[in-house]
Protein backbone atom coordinates (compact mmCIF):
# COMPACT_ATOMS: atom_id res chain seq x y z
CA UNK A 1 -32.79 14.60 -22.85
CA UNK A 2 -35.03 14.09 -25.91
CA UNK A 3 -36.79 17.38 -25.16
CA UNK A 4 -33.44 19.20 -25.04
CA UNK A 5 -32.27 17.59 -28.28
CA UNK A 6 -35.56 18.51 -30.05
CA UNK A 7 -35.29 22.03 -28.68
CA UNK A 8 -31.69 22.38 -29.90
CA UNK A 9 -32.56 21.01 -33.37
CA UNK A 10 -35.48 23.38 -33.68
CA UNK A 11 -33.50 26.45 -32.63
CA UNK A 12 -30.45 25.60 -34.78
CA UNK A 13 -32.22 24.42 -37.95
CA UNK A 14 -31.42 27.68 -39.80
CA UNK A 15 -27.80 27.86 -38.53
CA UNK A 16 -24.66 26.51 -40.14
CA UNK A 17 -22.49 23.99 -38.22
CA UNK A 18 -20.22 26.60 -36.56
CA UNK A 19 -23.16 28.73 -35.42
CA UNK A 20 -24.97 25.65 -34.05
CA UNK A 21 -21.88 24.58 -32.08
CA UNK A 22 -21.46 28.11 -30.70
CA UNK A 23 -25.15 28.23 -29.73
CA UNK A 24 -24.96 24.87 -27.89
CA UNK A 25 -21.74 25.87 -26.10
CA UNK A 26 -23.22 29.21 -24.98
CA UNK A 27 -26.65 28.03 -23.82
CA UNK A 28 -26.12 24.39 -22.81
CA UNK A 29 -22.60 24.44 -21.34
CA UNK A 30 -23.79 23.61 -17.83
CA UNK A 31 -25.82 20.64 -19.13
CA UNK A 32 -22.69 19.35 -20.85
CA UNK A 33 -20.61 19.91 -17.70
CA UNK A 34 -23.11 18.07 -15.49
CA UNK A 35 -23.26 15.22 -18.02
CA UNK A 36 -19.45 14.91 -18.08
CA UNK A 37 -19.28 14.91 -14.28
CA UNK A 38 -21.96 12.22 -14.02
CA UNK A 39 -20.24 10.11 -16.68
CA UNK A 40 -16.93 10.49 -14.82
CA UNK A 41 -18.53 9.41 -11.53
CA UNK A 42 -20.10 6.36 -13.18
CA UNK A 43 -16.75 5.37 -14.75
CA UNK A 44 -14.98 5.89 -11.41
CA UNK A 45 -17.55 3.71 -9.64
CA UNK A 46 -17.19 0.97 -12.26
CA UNK A 47 -13.39 1.10 -11.93
CA UNK A 48 -13.56 1.03 -8.13
CA UNK A 49 -15.88 -1.98 -8.09
CA UNK A 50 -14.07 -3.91 -10.84
CA UNK A 51 -10.40 -3.03 -10.49
CA UNK A 52 -10.07 -0.87 -7.40
CA UNK A 53 -7.92 -1.48 -4.37
CA UNK A 54 -7.11 -5.15 -3.94
CA UNK A 55 -7.10 -6.67 -0.48
CA UNK A 56 -3.57 -7.57 0.61
CA UNK A 57 -2.90 -11.20 1.51
CA UNK A 58 0.43 -10.47 3.20
CA UNK A 59 2.10 -7.29 4.41
CA UNK A 60 5.64 -6.97 5.74
CA UNK A 61 7.28 -3.73 6.91
CA UNK A 62 11.01 -3.15 7.12
CA UNK A 63 11.96 -0.64 9.83
CA UNK A 64 15.09 1.54 9.75
CA UNK A 65 16.74 -0.06 6.74
CA UNK A 66 17.66 1.78 3.57
CA UNK A 67 14.49 2.65 1.63
CA UNK A 68 14.80 0.61 -1.55
CA UNK A 69 11.60 0.03 -3.53
CA UNK A 70 13.43 -2.08 -6.11
CA UNK A 71 14.61 -4.48 -3.39
CA UNK A 72 11.12 -4.49 -1.85
CA UNK A 73 9.62 -5.37 -5.23
CA UNK A 74 12.19 -8.13 -5.75
CA UNK A 75 11.37 -9.60 -2.31
CA UNK A 76 7.62 -9.44 -3.06
CA UNK A 77 8.17 -11.21 -6.37
CA UNK A 78 10.37 -13.91 -4.84
CA UNK A 79 7.97 -14.56 -1.95
CA UNK A 80 4.91 -14.60 -4.23
CA UNK A 81 6.64 -17.15 -6.46
CA UNK A 82 7.59 -19.30 -3.45
CA UNK A 83 4.14 -19.10 -1.82
CA UNK A 84 2.04 -19.21 -4.98
CA UNK A 85 0.38 -15.88 -4.14
CA UNK A 86 -0.52 -13.01 -6.46
CA UNK A 87 2.35 -10.50 -6.24
CA UNK A 88 -0.12 -7.59 -6.39
CA UNK A 89 -1.58 -8.83 -3.10
CA UNK A 90 1.77 -8.83 -1.28
CA UNK A 91 3.24 -5.70 0.25
CA UNK A 92 6.84 -5.49 1.42
CA UNK A 93 7.60 -1.89 2.33
CA UNK A 94 10.86 -0.37 3.62
CA UNK A 95 9.49 3.19 3.85
CA UNK A 96 9.55 3.10 7.65
CA UNK A 97 12.28 5.33 9.06
CA UNK A 98 11.42 5.70 12.74
CA UNK A 99 13.06 7.58 15.60
CA UNK A 100 12.34 6.32 19.11
CA UNK A 101 13.76 6.57 22.61
CA UNK A 102 17.42 5.61 22.43
CA UNK A 103 17.59 5.88 18.62
CA UNK A 104 17.19 9.39 17.25
CA UNK A 105 17.54 9.53 13.47
CA UNK A 106 18.24 12.85 11.74
CA UNK A 107 15.81 14.26 9.21
CA UNK A 108 13.02 11.85 10.14
CA UNK A 109 9.48 13.10 10.51
CA UNK A 110 6.72 11.56 12.61
CA UNK A 111 4.67 10.21 9.70
CA UNK A 112 6.46 6.82 9.53
CA UNK A 113 6.02 6.36 13.28
CA UNK A 114 2.31 7.14 13.05
CA UNK A 115 1.86 5.03 9.91
CA UNK A 116 3.59 2.06 11.56
CA UNK A 117 1.55 2.07 14.77
CA UNK A 118 -1.72 2.88 12.98
CA UNK A 119 -1.28 -0.01 10.51
CA UNK A 120 -0.25 -2.32 13.34
CA UNK A 121 -3.28 -1.44 15.46
CA UNK A 122 -5.55 -1.96 12.42
CA UNK A 123 -4.07 -5.45 11.90
CA UNK A 124 -2.63 -4.45 8.51
CA UNK A 125 0.89 -5.72 9.23
CA UNK A 126 1.64 -9.46 9.11
CA UNK A 127 5.44 -9.41 9.54
CA UNK A 128 8.01 -6.90 10.74
CA UNK A 129 11.72 -6.68 10.13
CA UNK A 130 13.20 -4.36 12.75
CA UNK A 131 16.21 -3.67 14.97
CA UNK A 132 16.10 -5.43 18.34
CA UNK A 133 16.08 -2.06 20.13
CA UNK A 134 12.89 -1.09 18.28
CA UNK A 135 11.37 -4.48 19.14
CA UNK A 136 12.05 -3.76 22.81
CA UNK A 137 10.61 -0.25 22.40
CA UNK A 138 7.42 -1.76 20.93
CA UNK A 139 7.15 -4.13 23.91
CA UNK A 140 7.34 -1.09 26.22
CA UNK A 141 4.48 0.44 24.18
CA UNK A 142 2.37 -2.67 24.98
CA UNK A 143 2.93 -4.20 21.56
CA UNK A 144 2.05 -7.87 21.38
CA UNK A 145 4.01 -10.30 19.24
CA UNK A 146 3.60 -13.94 18.30
CA UNK A 147 6.02 -16.38 19.89
CA UNK A 148 8.09 -16.93 16.77
CA UNK A 149 10.87 -14.53 15.98
CA UNK A 150 14.05 -14.90 13.99
CA UNK A 151 17.40 -13.18 13.82
CA UNK A 152 18.08 -11.82 10.35
CA UNK A 153 21.46 -13.58 10.30
CA UNK A 154 19.69 -16.96 10.47
CA UNK A 155 17.54 -16.36 7.38
CA UNK A 156 17.92 -16.09 3.62
CA UNK A 157 17.44 -12.30 3.95
CA UNK A 158 20.83 -11.83 5.63
CA UNK A 159 22.50 -10.93 2.31
CA UNK A 160 19.75 -8.53 1.26
CA UNK A 161 19.30 -6.43 4.41
CA UNK A 162 21.81 -4.68 6.66
CA UNK A 163 22.42 -6.23 10.08
CA UNK A 164 24.37 -4.61 12.91
CA UNK A 165 26.09 -6.61 15.64
CA UNK A 166 25.32 -4.03 18.35
CA UNK A 167 21.61 -3.89 17.39
CA UNK A 168 20.74 -7.10 15.51
CA UNK A 169 17.77 -7.15 13.17
CA UNK A 170 14.82 -9.38 14.05
CA UNK A 171 11.94 -10.75 12.01
CA UNK A 172 8.83 -10.76 14.18
CA UNK A 173 5.09 -11.22 13.76
CA UNK A 174 2.40 -9.18 15.50
CA UNK A 175 -0.17 -11.18 17.47
CA UNK A 176 -3.08 -9.61 15.60
CA UNK A 177 -1.79 -10.41 12.10
CA UNK A 178 -4.70 -11.06 9.72
CA UNK A 179 -3.00 -13.57 7.43
CA UNK A 180 -1.53 -16.18 9.75
CA UNK A 181 -1.37 -18.88 7.04
CA UNK A 182 0.71 -16.60 4.83
CA UNK A 183 2.90 -15.72 7.83
CA UNK A 184 3.65 -19.44 8.04
CA UNK A 185 4.58 -19.46 4.35
CA UNK A 186 6.82 -16.43 4.93
CA UNK A 187 8.57 -18.25 7.79
CA UNK A 188 9.15 -21.22 5.48
CA UNK A 189 10.44 -18.85 2.81
CA UNK A 190 12.94 -17.04 5.04
CA UNK A 191 14.17 -20.27 6.66
CA UNK A 192 14.55 -22.07 3.32
CA UNK A 193 18.09 -21.59 2.03
CA UNK A 194 17.19 -22.23 -1.64
């Protein structure tokens, strides 16, 4: 770097400011570009290490309900307050519109189906809110659930989510959930009427 700076000073000593800038831009543009790219990579690495993706402490998916990010955020905030967890580390996501045998939804693509089963197999889902027919479908797909399950109508979420009498909504927990302690807190939260 010092060699380049000395070389530039020597070659531009008889030039005015505009000529010197033009000379540097013409002959050293690739050095400047490489420097900017390296600086950007260093800043990206620092960001990723310091403030990058945070590990979730609880993740709940809501299947085949209206997609409502405002409601999801409100539920995350309420549960984080109840459980004393950082809201940024809680994920409650209703972006799971899934068609399956016996329940064909119009205008639904396969990405939610794939995202659901991929996240489940990776242990990234701690709780699931789903229609009973989808629960039974998951059992047929060799899905394993914990013993505890609740009907939506018996929880504090009954006024927030839509329940249907012909296909009641269940709150279930996969066997391979990573955050079992927080699942227990979620059970307390949904059963608590306050």
